[in-house]
Amino acid sequence: MKTYWRSLEELEDPKALRIKEAREEAKQKSLLYKESKGSENNSRRDFLRTLGFSLVAASIVASCKKPVEKAIPYLVKPEEIIPGQASYYASSYFDAGDYCSVVVKVRDGRPIKIEGNELSPISQQGTSARVQASILNLYDGARYKGPRFKGKKTSWDDADKAIATALKSLADKNEPVVLLASSLISPSTKSVIDQFIEAYPNVKLVQYDSVSASGMLSANLKSFGQRAIPDYRFDQSNVVVSFGADFLGTWLSPVEYTKHYTSKRKLDEGQRDMLRHYQFESAMSLTGSNADVRFPIKPSEEGGIVLALYNAIAKAKGASAISGPKSAVDVSDLAEELLANQGQSIVVSGSNDEHIQLLVNGINQLLGNYGKSISWNSPLLTKQGLDAEMNEFVTDLKAGKVKGLLAWGVNPVYDHPEGMAIETAIRNLELSVSFAERKDETANLCQYILPEPNYLESWNDHEPKLGSYSLAQPTIQKLFDSRNVQESLLRWKGDAETTYADLIKKYWEAHQFAGQTALTDFRLFWNTALQKGVYEQQQNAEVAYSDHGLSAAGTGLKSAGKGTEVVLYETIAIGNGKYANNPWLQELPDPMAKISWDNYASVPVAYAEENGLSNESVITVNGLELPVFIQPGQAAGTIAVALGYGRSYAGKVGDEVGKNMFSYVSHVNGARQYYVENADVAVVEGKTFPLALSQTHHSMEGRPIARETNLDEYLKNPAAGNEWHKKSESHHVSLYEKPEFKGHHWGMAIDLNSCTGCGNCAISCQAENNVQVIGKEQVRNRRIMHWIRVDRYYSGDPANPEVSNQPVMCQHCDNAPCENVCPVAATPHSEEGLNQMAYNRCVGTKYCINNCPYRVRRFNWFRYVNNDQFDYNANNDLGRMVLNPDVTVRSRGVVEKCSMCVQRIQEKKQEAKLAGRMIEDGEIKTACQQSCPGNAIVFGDLNNPESKISKLFKDERNYHLLEELHTLPSVGYLTKVRNKA
């Protein structure tokens, strides 16, 4: 059987690791159970020994007085609110280049959950971890509570008068003022800015993206006359080649791309062909971990490899070759495969080098991909910042030429390579205004802070793709004294009457409504668009390709470097660091390293061995100390460090977490380069730094837990890779009668071909089920509370291993080992096949945890709510507004776990009962299922033979975890199928 391993320690000596982990767990169990204040030196064991586990004692514990909960009834109930019943509003999320059309669940006036909008052709009901966690940003205590001037409270009227006067004075003197904004995709906002600049001609708009796509935009302008990004249709491709583009994790439109990608890798409903994926990259990315063939390379080697691929294809097509650096990889076979799939392939690059992007455009043009797998009918507009414009602004700012700055959605003091120089320059400006919603390093320096509302509190519109529109609407009254930036600009130009909501309506009536003929009444058109959240206008762009700049691209490429190169990348959780104060995102383990609460230096296995490094060793990179994580698959001669950490003014959760790497971003040929050449790396002897590492919490122990096969084997035998399932089924012998469920029997199936390991499900579950944040120290103590985890296993060569991802939650076993060991019957089995938890019965013996072979039960060691020791933005009335009232907030000393979102099951059962009908298949969706961008999870009734879940359970790829134990899980997994040549 293929050998799988979680860490290098397990690969080298699994027995020693198990002994070490057993000792560590014993140590944790012996720790005194203390409260944060006034704790007594009595262990939990002493407490339970005193009680004697008796039924009487359990009854006493269960009847402890509950804290008083105050509820204020409506004096006059709003007509649109029914207590206990949720409302749903279509809206849009857009931040730092991330776009998602969403549906917001609101309970009693409080937004509590984000879902994807199934009507959106872009997100298609999927979300990302950041989108799911954005609900918590609404209740962030680091948000500004009102307008401020030089650190003190001020009024909007006073601020408006002073700023309008300053703007007029600067305009009269023709002194430059810059409106520095992140990429703007709101058409109505652009109309407001046009009006504002018309009133103040000395104002210039500069769009700035901290993680730039400027090289691609410039290349596309030369190749197609379009400063935009084409529509990549991975669902129309047979072969995908990616050069450092983490398109399933952080690159451009990952939710959309994941939907497309996984749809071409599913093998249900008769599908028998699969997309084949090649990945060239330095760090082990989420996308690289899903590739069929992965090539670890240095960043400086990318240009030569892309050039070699272009020349190989050009030779076959009769086009001229381009001279340039040599390739470090033989791409002849890859070129042949691409030529065999002309018009059904995609080549992409995440590089910000215009020359590489020109070559990529040339490759796709030679392959005939444009108009087929790559379209210009609806180009992506979420990245619009140009590095040249930002460089010019910074140069002028440092020279004192810029006299005023309006900063909107940007934080260059933190995330620009010249942040320190920008900081100095801002202090000397005649006028500086920040529209920051929450604390950031740039806002802290500005004279005025005029906070904009959260996206869930305000109106907006978006055009993420040409012709694809969406609306955002308020889902709650503004929590603080904030105001839309658009209204501020209107007031400063002299329009004090127009609200932004009215302006959006007028704009849509003049443009979107006027551009269609289906509806003749604007009110009906507006209400329909608002209810759906999205509106599409068909685009038929005729774009011609030009080889302008292509022939010279080779000479602009770099030759492969010989020194150590440091790769700078975004994580799926923290991104560019804007929401570093979000504890859900901080505690989400990285998909590959399984580390939370820090960034670190990922080093290759061979480099660690040569330098005597282990996890948590410390090295210096160009003088900056960083903890070490030994990352299998990290390219030789490279080190990878995440951006987005090291915030100094983010809030109590995000301050001083990790190190800021944005200062290591360099400028090359006018564009920002996200890797460091010839880095000076040194080992700090005798020093360590603790990391919150959870990857070694779970082990396969040599058992066939993650199962896989290759496509050619699967086509011969659909049960390939799953032979153990039939063997286990044939040996099932039990003294117990097989449970029968007369009504429903709920179950879940997970397609390992569709799970990318993104972690979105963990955050979605956290939001739905009030899962508590516990902090770095407790994560290190193996007490992470997530109800669903994504186990990551390696196999093969540590220098370039294969990766298997597997979501694991409570398996809801029909023969549940946890149930018959509980002395107080706190974990019973329902008549519908669910393993339940009665929290008021649980006395915390942890017998169920010890008897669960899947390690999916969580124990509340501490009181996490209203405890200053665990103050992660949830210990106040504001933070607690995010809690789902349908789910109990668990206190200390009880066991908790996945409930299959039983509250959602009951809700849909009641709706069906009131309507006098049966529950439809697929009507009930668990939180993890509903938000999954890869459609990897299916939930339904196993007693319905026509349900999708029943059909998947009969699929020959289906198996259960540890099925040899005969626990009869209600969760099934479909074997992963790779598409290797």
Foldseek 3Di string as FASTA:
>chain_A
DFDWDLDPVCVVPVVVVVVVVVVLLVVLQPDAQAAPPPGDRDRLVNVCVVLVLDLVSLVVLLPPDDDDDDDDDDPDDDPVADAPDWDKFWFWDFALLETFTWIFIDHPQFTFFIWGFCLALQLNGFDFQQRGLLSLVQLFPQFDFFKAFLRHDDHPVVVLVVVLVVLVVCLVVLFAEEAEEAFAFFPLLVVLVVLLCVLRVNYDYAHDRLLALQLLLVLCCQWWVGSFAWDFQLLQAQEEEEEAALLCFDHNHNLRVLQRQLVQQDCPPPDQGHRAYEYEEFACHLSNLLHLHYHHDDPQQRLQVLLQLLQLLCVVLVHDHADAAHHPDDCNVVSVVLLVGQLRYAYYYSFSHNLSSLSRVSNNVSSNNEPGSIYPQWTFRSHRGHLLSVVVVLVCLLVVSHQHYEYESDACLFSALPNVSNLVSQLPHPAYEYQDRGKADRRSNGRMHQHAFRQQAAWTKGRRIVQKIFIGHHSHHGPRHHAHPSQSSCVSSPNNDDHVVVSVLVVCVVPVVVLDDPDDDSVVVVVVRRRSRMDGDGGDDDIGTDSVPNNCSNVVRGYDADAAKEFEAAFSQQGQQLVLLRLVSQCQQGLFQGFGQEKFKAAEPVVCVVVVHAFQFWKAWLRRIGTYDHGQQRHPRYIYIYANAQGCIGDPRRHRRYRHCSSQFDADPSTTGRMHPNIDMGTDPPGGDDILTDQPVDDCVPPPFAWEAASVVCVVPVLPRVVVFVVLVVPDDDPDDQDDQPPFAKFKEFEQSLDSSSSSLQSLCCSLAVFARADRVVSSSVQRGGQKHWHWMWTDDSNRTRIGIDIDHPLLFSQQQLQVPQSQRQFDADSRSWTDGNFSSAQQPCPSCVRGPRNRKHAASAFLECRPVNPSSCNDPSSVSNHDPLHDNHGHRGIDHDRQPVSQVVVQVVVCVVVVHDRDAPPRDRSSQSNHSRNRMGMGTCVPCPHPLVVVCVRSQWHDGPCSVVSHGSYIYGHHYRHHD
